[in-house]
Amino acid sequence: VQLVESGGASVQPGGSLRLSCAASGLAISRHAMGWFRRAPGKEREFVAGLSPISSYPEYGDFLADRFTVSTDGAKATLYLQMTRMEPEDTGVYYCAARNSGYSFTSTNEHDYAYWGQGTQVTVSS
C-alpha cells in the first residue's frame, strides 16, 4: 500500500489550495480515508474523512465549512479542497487509510493503518 500526497504550497490568507492523495495497493472506495495535519509544535489532528458506507464526510470541529473532502474512485485519489485559508492552517498534511475491515472514519490517528509522507502547506502573508 502506498499513499502519496501532493499539492502542498505556500498561499496567502484567504486563499485556496487543493491537496491530492494518490493511493495504490488499496481501493479507496472500500477503505475509510482521512486527512490529518500537524501544525508546528502541535499534535497531529484530524481534518476530514470519508467512509465507504456513508454519504456524509466527517470534518474537524475547527473547519467551519472551509474544507471539502472528496474522492475520485476511477483515479484512486482522495482530495482535500481548502478555501478561506488561515495562518492556523499551516502544517504538514497527511493522507491516511484504515484497514478494510473498518467501515467508518475515525478522528484518532492510531486507528489508521496506512500513511502518506505528508505535504507542506504554509499560509502566510
Foldseek 3Di string as FASTA:
>chain_A
DAWAKDWADEAAQQAKTKMKIADDPDQVLQWKKFKWWDAVPGDIWTAKIDFNVDPDIDGDPVQPPQWDWDDDRVRNMIMIIGGSDDQVPWGWMKMFTAPSVDGYDDGDPVRTDDIHPTGGHGYHD
